C-alpha atoms as a PDB file:
ATOM      1  CA  MET A   1     139.280 105.322  75.666  1.00  0.00           C
ATOM      2  CA  PRO A   2     138.674 101.892  74.106  1.00  0.00           C
ATOM      3  CA  VAL A   3     137.124 101.417  70.729  1.00  0.00           C
ATOM      4  CA  PRO A   4     133.348 101.024  71.170  1.00  0.00           C
ATOM      5  CA  HIS A   5     132.127  97.444  70.996  1.00  0.00           C
ATOM      6  CA  TYR A   6     129.513  96.899  68.330  1.00  0.00           C
ATOM      7  CA  PRO A   7     128.116  93.341  68.141  1.00  0.00           C
ATOM      8  CA  ASP A   8     129.001  91.311  65.078  1.00  0.00           C
ATOM      9  CA  THR A   9     125.374  91.161  63.989  1.00  0.00           C
ATOM     10  CA  ALA A  10     125.998  94.392  62.725  1.00  0.00           C
ATOM     11  CA  VAL A  11     116.660 106.471  69.172  1.00  0.00           C
ATOM     12  CA  ALA A  12     108.874 118.947  73.003  1.00  0.00           C
ATOM     13  CA  THR A  13     108.385 115.628  75.064  1.00  0.00           C
ATOM     14  CA  ASN A  14     107.092 112.612  73.176  1.00  0.00           C
ATOM     15  CA  VAL A  15     105.207 109.936  75.093  1.00  0.00           C
ATOM     16  CA  LEU A  16     105.658 106.246  74.397  1.00  0.00           C
ATOM     17  CA  PRO A  17     102.484 104.344  73.536  1.00  0.00           C
ATOM     18  CA  LEU A  18     100.794 103.001  76.618  1.00  0.00           C
ATOM     19  CA  PRO A  19     101.130  99.241  77.091  1.00  0.00           C
ATOM     20  CA  ASP A  20      98.073  97.259  76.126  1.00  0.00           C
ATOM     21  CA  ALA A  21      96.982  96.051  79.534  1.00  0.00           C
ATOM     22  CA  ASP A  22      94.418  93.630  78.088  1.00  0.00           C
ATOM     23  CA  GLN A  23      96.822  91.911  75.717  1.00  0.00           C
ATOM     24  CA  PRO A  24      97.705  88.390  76.926  1.00  0.00           C
ATOM     25  CA  LYS A  25     101.306  88.060  78.010  1.00  0.00           C
ATOM     26  CA  PRO A  26     103.384  84.872  77.921  1.00  0.00           C
ATOM     27  CA  GLY A  27     104.239  83.193  81.203  1.00  0.00           C
ATOM     28  CA  ASP A  28     102.730  83.268  84.662  1.00  0.00           C
ATOM     29  CA  SER A  29     105.022  85.976  86.063  1.00  0.00           C
ATOM     30  CA  TYR A  30     103.261  88.873  84.356  1.00  0.00           C
ATOM     31  CA  VAL A  31     101.198  90.911  86.857  1.00  0.00           C
ATOM     32  CA  GLN A  32      98.465  92.540  84.807  1.00  0.00           C
ATOM     33  CA  SER A  33      97.188  94.786  87.596  1.00  0.00           C
ATOM     34  CA  PHE A  34     100.670  96.229  88.089  1.00  0.00           C
ATOM     35  CA  ALA A  35     100.984  96.888  84.343  1.00  0.00           C
ATOM     36  CA  ARG A  36      97.649  98.680  84.409  1.00  0.00           C
ATOM     37  CA  GLY A  37      98.804 100.828  87.308  1.00  0.00           C
ATOM     38  CA  LEU A  38     101.885 101.859  85.361  1.00  0.00           C
ATOM     39  CA  SER A  39      99.746 102.672  82.327  1.00  0.00           C
ATOM     40  CA  VAL A  40      97.708 105.078  84.468  1.00  0.00           C
ATOM     41  CA  ILE A  41     100.861 106.837  85.683  1.00  0.00           C
ATOM     42  CA  ARG A  42     102.189 107.070  82.118  1.00  0.00           C
ATOM     43  CA  ALA A  43      98.929 108.591  80.895  1.00  0.00           C
ATOM     44  CA  PHE A  44      99.745 111.846  82.694  1.00  0.00           C
ATOM     45  CA  GLY A  45     102.237 114.249  81.159  1.00  0.00           C
ATOM     46  CA  GLU A  46     102.837 117.654  79.643  1.00  0.00           C
ATOM     47  CA  ARG A  47      99.758 117.407  77.440  1.00  0.00           C
ATOM     48  CA  HIS A  48      97.597 115.872  80.159  1.00  0.00           C
ATOM     49  CA  PRO A  49      98.726 117.170  83.567  1.00  0.00           C
ATOM     50  CA  GLN A  50      95.222 116.718  84.974  1.00  0.00           C
ATOM     51  CA  MET A  51      92.537 114.263  83.890  1.00  0.00           C
ATOM     52  CA  THR A  52      89.083 113.168  84.919  1.00  0.00           C
ATOM     53  CA  LEU A  53      88.309 109.539  85.628  1.00  0.00           C
ATOM     54  CA  SER A  54      86.731 109.178  82.183  1.00  0.00           C
ATOM     55  CA  GLU A  55      89.790 110.691  80.504  1.00  0.00           C
ATOM     56  CA  VAL A  56      92.143 108.327  82.340  1.00  0.00           C
ATOM     57  CA  ALA A  57      89.994 105.359  81.350  1.00  0.00           C
ATOM     58  CA  ALA A  58      89.972 106.482  77.704  1.00  0.00           C
ATOM     59  CA  ALA A  59      93.736 107.118  77.654  1.00  0.00           C
ATOM     60  CA  THR A  60      94.591 103.702  79.090  1.00  0.00           C
ATOM     61  CA  GLY A  61      91.863 101.526  77.602  1.00  0.00           C
ATOM     62  CA  LEU A  62      90.689 100.561  81.079  1.00  0.00           C
ATOM     63  CA  THR A  63      87.119 100.482  82.299  1.00  0.00           C
ATOM     64  CA  ARG A  64      86.014 103.366  84.500  1.00  0.00           C
ATOM     65  CA  ALA A  65      85.805 100.975  87.442  1.00  0.00           C
ATOM     66  CA  GLY A  66      89.309  99.662  86.820  1.00  0.00           C
ATOM     67  CA  ALA A  67      90.776 103.132  86.366  1.00  0.00           C
ATOM     68  CA  ARG A  68      89.022 104.318  89.536  1.00  0.00           C
ATOM     69  CA  ARG A  69      90.499 101.507  91.640  1.00  0.00           C
ATOM     70  CA  ILE A  70      93.996 102.263  90.403  1.00  0.00           C
ATOM     71  CA  LEU A  71      93.649 106.027  90.903  1.00  0.00           C
ATOM     72  CA  LEU A  72      92.345 105.575  94.440  1.00  0.00           C
ATOM     73  CA  THR A  73      95.221 103.208  95.212  1.00  0.00           C
ATOM     74  CA  LEU A  74      97.745 105.715  93.863  1.00  0.00           C
ATOM     75  CA  GLU A  75      96.042 108.455  95.876  1.00  0.00           C
ATOM     76  CA  HIS A  76      96.263 106.347  99.034  1.00  0.00           C
ATOM     77  CA  LEU A  77      99.992 105.811  98.394  1.00  0.00           C
ATOM     78  CA  GLY A  78     100.544 109.529  97.815  1.00  0.00           C
ATOM     79  CA  TYR A  79     101.376 109.403  94.099  1.00  0.00           C
ATOM     80  CA  VAL A  80      98.113 110.995  92.921  1.00  0.00           C
ATOM     81  CA  ASP A  81      96.000 113.871  94.212  1.00  0.00           C
ATOM     82  CA  THR A  82      92.478 114.931  93.265  1.00  0.00           C
ATOM     83  CA  ASP A  83      90.172 117.902  93.696  1.00  0.00           C
ATOM     84  CA  GLY A  84      87.185 115.595  93.549  1.00  0.00           C
ATOM     85  CA  ARG A  85      86.889 115.756  89.774  1.00  0.00           C
ATOM     86  CA  LYS A  86      90.341 115.793  88.213  1.00  0.00           C
ATOM     87  CA  PHE A  87      93.385 113.752  89.148  1.00  0.00           C
ATOM     88  CA  ARG A  88      97.031 114.806  88.967  1.00  0.00           C
ATOM     89  CA  LEU A  89     100.392 113.287  89.869  1.00  0.00           C
ATOM     90  CA  THR A  90     102.097 114.506  93.040  1.00  0.00           C
ATOM     91  CA  PRO A  91     105.808 115.316  93.492  1.00  0.00           C
ATOM     92  CA  LYS A  92     106.201 111.926  95.193  1.00  0.00           C
ATOM     93  CA  ILE A  93     106.173 110.362  91.715  1.00  0.00           C
ATOM     94  CA  LEU A  94     109.688 111.800  91.303  1.00  0.00           C
ATOM     95  CA  ASP A  95     110.913 109.225  93.835  1.00  0.00           C
ATOM     96  CA  LEU A  96     110.457 106.529  91.195  1.00  0.00           C
ATOM     97  CA  GLY A  97     112.665 108.300  88.660  1.00  0.00           C
ATOM     98  CA  TYR A  98     115.214 109.397  91.235  1.00  0.00           C
ATOM     99  CA  ALA A  99     115.747 105.781  92.255  1.00  0.00           C
ATOM    100  CA  TYR A 100     117.066 105.134  88.737  1.00  0.00           C
ATOM    101  CA  LEU A 101     119.197 108.281  88.617  1.00  0.00           C
ATOM    102  CA  SER A 102     120.734 107.798  92.062  1.00  0.00           C
ATOM    103  CA  ALA A 103     121.612 104.182  91.250  1.00  0.00           C
ATOM    104  CA  SER A 104     123.391 105.159  88.028  1.00  0.00           C
ATOM    105  CA  PRO A 105     127.129 105.918  88.315  1.00  0.00           C
ATOM    106  CA  LEU A 106     126.681 108.546  85.605  1.00  0.00           C
ATOM    107  CA  TRP A 107     124.855 110.752  88.103  1.00  0.00           C
ATOM    108  CA  ALA A 108     128.015 111.436  90.127  1.00  0.00           C
ATOM    109  CA  LEU A 109     130.711 110.906  87.508  1.00  0.00           C
ATOM    110  CA  ALA A 110     129.325 112.926  84.613  1.00  0.00           C
ATOM    111  CA  GLN A 111     127.988 116.033  86.326  1.00  0.00           C
ATOM    112  CA  PRO A 112     131.360 117.804  86.839  1.00  0.00           C
ATOM    113  CA  GLU A 113     132.415 117.072  83.256  1.00  0.00           C
ATOM    114  CA  MET A 114     129.106 118.371  81.944  1.00  0.00           C
ATOM    115  CA  GLU A 115     129.305 121.548  84.011  1.00  0.00           C
ATOM    116  CA  ALA A 116     132.823 122.235  82.727  1.00  0.00           C
ATOM    117  CA  LEU A 117     131.727 121.562  79.160  1.00  0.00           C
ATOM    118  CA  ALA A 118     128.750 123.912  79.448  1.00  0.00           C
ATOM    119  CA  GLU A 119     130.964 126.598  80.985  1.00  0.00           C
ATOM    120  CA  HIS A 120     133.630 126.353  78.273  1.00  0.00           C
ATOM    121  CA  THR A 121     131.179 126.313  75.363  1.00  0.00           C
ATOM    122  CA  GLY A 122     128.419 128.485  76.784  1.00  0.00           C
ATOM    123  CA  GLU A 123     125.875 125.948  75.538  1.00  0.00           C
ATOM    124  CA  SER A 124     123.665 123.312  77.133  1.00  0.00           C
ATOM    125  CA  CYS A 125     125.038 119.820  77.714  1.00  0.00           C
ATOM    126  CA  SER A 126     122.975 116.653  78.135  1.00  0.00           C
ATOM    127  CA  ILE A 127     123.274 112.898  78.562  1.00  0.00           C
ATOM    128  CA  SER A 128     120.624 110.482  77.362  1.00  0.00           C
ATOM    129  CA  VAL A 129     119.961 106.765  77.060  1.00  0.00           C
ATOM    130  CA  LEU A 130     117.917 104.774  74.567  1.00  0.00           C
ATOM    131  CA  GLU A 131     114.436 103.650  75.577  1.00  0.00           C
ATOM    132  CA  GLY A 132     112.247 102.140  72.892  1.00  0.00           C
ATOM    133  CA  THR A 133     112.333 104.365  69.816  1.00  0.00           C
ATOM    134  CA  ASP A 134     113.210 107.441  71.889  1.00  0.00           C
ATOM    135  CA  ILE A 135     116.116 108.904  73.762  1.00  0.00           C
ATOM    136  CA  VAL A 136     115.438 109.838  77.387  1.00  0.00           C
ATOM    137  CA  TYR A 137     117.355 112.684  79.019  1.00  0.00           C
ATOM    138  CA  ILE A 138     118.868 111.494  82.313  1.00  0.00           C
ATOM    139  CA  LEU A 139     121.258 114.401  82.991  1.00  0.00           C
ATOM    140  CA  ARG A 140     121.250 117.980  81.759  1.00  0.00           C
ATOM    141  CA  VAL A 141     123.224 121.151  82.433  1.00  0.00           C
ATOM    142  CA  ALA A 142     121.364 124.026  80.824  1.00  0.00           C
ATOM    143  CA  THR A 143     122.615 127.540  80.173  1.00  0.00           C
ATOM    144  CA  HIS A 144     120.575 130.705  80.506  1.00  0.00           C
ATOM    145  CA  LYS A 145     120.561 131.226  76.757  1.00  0.00           C
ATOM    146  CA  ILE A 146     117.211 131.069  74.991  1.00  0.00           C
ATOM    147  CA  MET A 147     116.362 127.701  73.442  1.00  0.00           C
ATOM    148  CA  ARG A 148     113.201 127.016  71.475  1.00  0.00           C
ATOM    149  CA  VAL A 149     113.012 123.427  72.700  1.00  0.00           C
ATOM    150  CA  ASN A 150     112.339 123.126  76.426  1.00  0.00           C
ATOM    151  CA  LEU A 151     114.216 120.040  77.620  1.00  0.00           C
ATOM    152  CA  SER A 152     114.826 118.622  81.076  1.00  0.00           C
ATOM    153  CA  VAL A 153     115.581 115.313  82.786  1.00  0.00           C
ATOM    154  CA  GLY A 154     112.931 112.842  81.640  1.00  0.00           C
ATOM    155  CA  SER A 155     112.297 114.524  78.284  1.00  0.00           C
ATOM    156  CA  ARG A 156     111.960 112.223  75.292  1.00  0.00           C
ATOM    157  CA  LEU A 157     112.908 112.835  71.683  1.00  0.00           C
ATOM    158  CA  PRO A 158     112.882 110.516  68.654  1.00  0.00           C
ATOM    159  CA  ALA A 159     116.199 108.697  68.444  1.00  0.00           C
ATOM    160  CA  TRP A 160     116.384 108.692  64.650  1.00  0.00           C
ATOM    161  CA  ALA A 161     116.271 112.515  64.418  1.00  0.00           C
ATOM    162  CA  THR A 162     118.775 113.420  67.140  1.00  0.00           C
ATOM    163  CA  SER A 163     122.551 113.352  67.414  1.00  0.00           C
ATOM    164  CA  MET A 164     122.472 111.408  70.686  1.00  0.00           C
ATOM    165  CA  GLY A 165     119.926 108.983  69.278  1.00  0.00           C
ATOM    166  CA  ARG A 166     122.084 108.224  66.253  1.00  0.00           C
ATOM    167  CA  VAL A 167     125.096 107.598  68.478  1.00  0.00           C
ATOM    168  CA  LEU A 168     123.018 105.207  70.589  1.00  0.00           C
ATOM    169  CA  LEU A 169     121.523 103.467  67.564  1.00  0.00           C
ATOM    170  CA  GLY A 170     125.036 102.992  66.243  1.00  0.00           C
ATOM    171  CA  GLY A 171     125.893 101.052  69.386  1.00  0.00           C
ATOM    172  CA  LEU A 172     123.250  98.412  68.704  1.00  0.00           C
ATOM    173  CA  PRO A 173     123.408  95.240  66.632  1.00  0.00           C
ATOM    174  CA  GLN A 174     122.279  96.064  63.111  1.00  0.00           C
ATOM    175  CA  ALA A 175     119.079  94.047  63.468  1.00  0.00           C
ATOM    176  CA  GLU A 176     118.071  95.987  66.592  1.00  0.00           C
ATOM    177  CA  CYS A 177     118.884  99.313  64.970  1.00  0.00           C
ATOM    178  CA  ASP A 178     116.808  98.387  61.920  1.00  0.00           C
ATOM    179  CA  ALA A 179     113.904  97.282  64.115  1.00  0.00           C
ATOM    180  CA  ILE A 180     113.874 100.616  65.958  1.00  0.00           C
ATOM    181  CA  LEU A 181     113.973 102.564  62.703  1.00  0.00           C
ATOM    182  CA  ALA A 182     111.116 100.450  61.346  1.00  0.00           C
ATOM    183  CA  ALA A 183     109.047 101.084  64.489  1.00  0.00           C
ATOM    184  CA  SER A 184     109.723 104.831  64.540  1.00  0.00           C
ATOM    185  CA  ASP A 185     107.266 107.467  63.361  1.00  0.00           C
ATOM    186  CA  ILE A 186     109.603 108.989  60.789  1.00  0.00           C
ATOM    187  CA  GLN A 187     108.317 112.224  59.301  1.00  0.00           C
ATOM    188  CA  PRO A 188     109.661 115.718  58.534  1.00  0.00           C
ATOM    189  CA  LEU A 189     110.224 117.703  61.727  1.00  0.00           C
ATOM    190  CA  ALA A 190     112.247 120.638  60.394  1.00  0.00           C
ATOM    191  CA  ALA A 191     113.830 122.043  57.237  1.00  0.00           C
ATOM    192  CA  LEU A 192     116.596 119.440  56.884  1.00  0.00           C
ATOM    193  CA  THR A 193     115.067 116.350  58.512  1.00  0.00           C
ATOM    194  CA  VAL A 194     116.338 113.117  56.958  1.00  0.00           C
ATOM    195  CA  THR A 195     113.369 110.756  56.612  1.00  0.00           C
ATOM    196  CA  ASP A 196     114.681 108.115  54.210  1.00  0.00           C
ATOM    197  CA  ILE A 197     115.488 104.955  56.190  1.00  0.00           C
ATOM    198  CA  PRO A 198     118.337 103.728  53.922  1.00  0.00           C
ATOM    199  CA  THR A 199     119.942 107.173  54.237  1.00  0.00           C
ATOM    200  CA  LEU A 200     119.499 107.110  58.010  1.00  0.00           C
ATOM    201  CA  ARG A 201     121.211 103.705  58.121  1.00  0.00           C
ATOM    202  CA  GLN A 202     124.145 105.153  56.187  1.00  0.00           C
ATOM    203  CA  ILE A 203     124.371 108.173  58.510  1.00  0.00           C
ATOM    204  CA  ILE A 204     124.291 105.978  61.615  1.00  0.00           C
ATOM    205  CA  ALA A 205     126.980 103.696  60.158  1.00  0.00           C
ATOM    206  CA  ARG A 206     129.159 106.710  59.271  1.00  0.00           C
ATOM    207  CA  ASP A 207     128.744 108.210  62.741  1.00  0.00           C
ATOM    208  CA  ARG A 208     129.620 104.857  64.338  1.00  0.00           C
ATOM    209  CA  VAL A 209     132.935 104.828  62.497  1.00  0.00           C
ATOM    210  CA  ARG A 210     133.888 108.452  63.130  1.00  0.00           C
ATOM    211  CA  GLY A 211     132.833 108.393  66.778  1.00  0.00           C
ATOM    212  CA  TYR A 212     130.368 111.269  66.863  1.00  0.00           C
ATOM    213  CA  SER A 213     127.140 112.524  65.309  1.00  0.00           C
ATOM    214  CA  TYR A 214     126.283 116.021  64.101  1.00  0.00           C
ATOM    215  CA  THR A 215     122.802 117.250  63.212  1.00  0.00           C
ATOM    216  CA  THR A 216     121.603 120.624  62.036  1.00  0.00           C
ATOM    217  CA  GLN A 217     118.006 121.750  61.517  1.00  0.00           C
ATOM    218  CA  GLU A 218     116.656 118.199  61.659  1.00  0.00           C
ATOM    219  CA  LEU A 219     114.714 118.242  64.925  1.00  0.00           C
ATOM    220  CA  GLU A 220     114.042 122.002  64.943  1.00  0.00           C
ATOM    221  CA  ASP A 221     114.835 124.630  62.326  1.00  0.00           C
ATOM    222  CA  SER A 222     116.823 126.569  64.910  1.00  0.00           C
ATOM    223  CA  LEU A 223     118.940 123.764  66.399  1.00  0.00           C
ATOM    224  CA  ARG A 224     122.364 122.239  65.877  1.00  0.00           C
ATOM    225  CA  SER A 225     123.736 119.389  67.972  1.00  0.00           C
ATOM    226  CA  ILE A 226     126.809 117.186  68.305  1.00  0.00           C
ATOM    227  CA  ALA A 227     126.983 113.972  70.338  1.00  0.00           C
ATOM    228  CA  ALA A 228     129.532 111.345  71.336  1.00  0.00           C
ATOM    229  CA  PRO A 229     129.247 107.882  72.939  1.00  0.00           C
ATOM    230  CA  ILE A 230     129.839 107.039  76.580  1.00  0.00           C
ATOM    231  CA  ILE A 231     131.352 103.560  76.816  1.00  0.00           C
ATOM    232  CA  ASP A 232     131.529 101.155  79.751  1.00  0.00           C
ATOM    233  CA  ARG A 233     134.317  98.728  80.642  1.00  0.00           C
ATOM    234  CA  SER A 234     132.948  96.063  78.281  1.00  0.00           C
ATOM    235  CA  GLY A 235     133.200  98.496  75.369  1.00  0.00           C
ATOM    236  CA  THR A 236     129.419  98.883  75.115  1.00  0.00           C
ATOM    237  CA  VAL A 237     127.833 102.236  74.318  1.00  0.00           C
ATOM    238  CA  ILE A 238     125.577 102.841  77.337  1.00  0.00           C
ATOM    239  CA  ALA A 239     124.740 106.536  76.895  1.00  0.00           C
ATOM    240  CA  ALA A 240     125.416 109.568  74.737  1.00  0.00           C
ATOM    241  CA  ILE A 241     126.520 113.095  75.636  1.00  0.00           C
ATOM    242  CA  ASN A 242     125.806 116.157  73.533  1.00  0.00           C
ATOM    243  CA  ILE A 243     126.156 119.894  73.137  1.00  0.00           C
ATOM    244  CA  SER A 244     123.236 121.705  71.566  1.00  0.00           C
ATOM    245  CA  GLY A 245     123.164 125.229  70.199  1.00  0.00           C
ATOM    246  CA  MET A 246     121.242 127.630  68.013  1.00  0.00           C
ATOM    247  CA  VAL A 247     121.771 128.063  64.276  1.00  0.00           C
ATOM    248  CA  ASN A 248     121.771 131.846  64.608  1.00  0.00           C
ATOM    249  CA  ARG A 249     124.623 131.902  67.140  1.00  0.00           C
ATOM    250  CA  ASN A 250     126.603 128.688  66.546  1.00  0.00           C
ATOM    251  CA  SER A 251     128.134 128.091  63.123  1.00  0.00           C
ATOM    252  CA  GLU A 252     128.893 124.616  61.835  1.00  0.00           C
ATOM    253  CA  SER A 253     132.619 125.319  62.057  1.00  0.00           C
ATOM    254  CA  GLN A 254     132.254 126.402  65.688  1.00  0.00           C
ATOM    255  CA  MET A 255     130.352 123.225  66.525  1.00  0.00           C
ATOM    256  CA  LEU A 256     132.821 120.907  64.780  1.00  0.00           C
ATOM    257  CA  ASP A 257     136.147 122.721  65.157  1.00  0.00           C
ATOM    258  CA  THR A 258     135.750 124.239  68.619  1.00  0.00           C
ATOM    259  CA  PHE A 259     133.064 122.315  70.503  1.00  0.00           C
ATOM    260  CA  LEU A 260     133.618 118.788  69.170  1.00  0.00           C
ATOM    261  CA  PRO A 261     137.146 118.288  70.608  1.00  0.00           C
ATOM    262  CA  LEU A 262     135.864 119.412  74.018  1.00  0.00           C
ATOM    263  CA  LEU A 263     132.890 117.072  73.754  1.00  0.00           C
ATOM    264  CA  LEU A 264     135.024 114.087  72.752  1.00  0.00           C
ATOM    265  CA  LYS A 265     137.376 114.761  75.662  1.00  0.00           C
ATOM    266  CA  ALA A 266     134.463 114.902  78.119  1.00  0.00           C
ATOM    267  CA  ALA A 267     133.044 111.655  76.715  1.00  0.00           C
ATOM    268  CA  GLN A 268     136.477 110.055  77.028  1.00  0.00           C
ATOM    269  CA  ASN A 269     136.855 111.225  80.637  1.00  0.00           C
ATOM    270  CA  ILE A 270     133.417 109.962  81.671  1.00  0.00           C
ATOM    271  CA  SER A 271     133.981 106.648  79.903  1.00  0.00           C
ATOM    272  CA  GLY A 272     137.365 106.278  81.585  1.00  0.00           C
ATOM    273  CA  MET A 273     135.884 106.832  85.039  1.00  0.00           C
ATOM    274  CA  LEU A 274     133.165 104.274  84.354  1.00  0.00           C
ATOM    275  CA  GLN A 275     135.695 101.727  83.161  1.00  0.00           C
ATOM    276  CA  HIS A 276     137.864 102.073  86.266  1.00  0.00           C
ATOM    277  CA  ARG A 277     135.107 101.805  88.855  1.00  0.00           C
END
């Protein structure tokens, strides 16, 4: 497994802020109506599975007339359904996300490694990528053990507070990493959350050198997690893989002495397959 390449100039479901559809954009290639349509889709989620026309307009900053046109278009295309008052996304919306997953080589290459890792450790295994200030889960093998945080493909978590996020931030040029930290909503989330930006920079730099990240009781009081980078043929960190467990059943020594070698081996195997495609 090659040494990760870091440029010399050396992140329950959170929702990214909706794009400001009325903000002028540079260039003539920007299609404002398309951006507004995406903002309507993004307005729905765990907290807002169903919304009225007025609620969609308020959530997106669109006029009621504009929101109505977009919702009716999405309904015509099969992406939205309505009972006459409230609108909701349909399962067809999954086609948009599946197009990304099916096009990614990680989908086929990583799944067997993740299943083996989950079987050997008895804990959930996930892969995520960086998107804005968050990590986005793109693959997950969950166990039947009880977890307080309900995570699935598509879930978002703040990069700065997670083991996978810190691995991914460590793969960025320093200026980009600093910009993401500056844009993040950094606040205490659990008993041991690190919220000091200079300290976070030091942790990310340390984890970059040692090749993994370990967090305990930072995102949730009950959670521990370890993560390692997945590296492509150019030596760039393109994703992170982790094992997560519970404080009351997984000791720190178990995570680092038993689980970490297995995790690093899985990350190495996945990276190797990517590099030889």
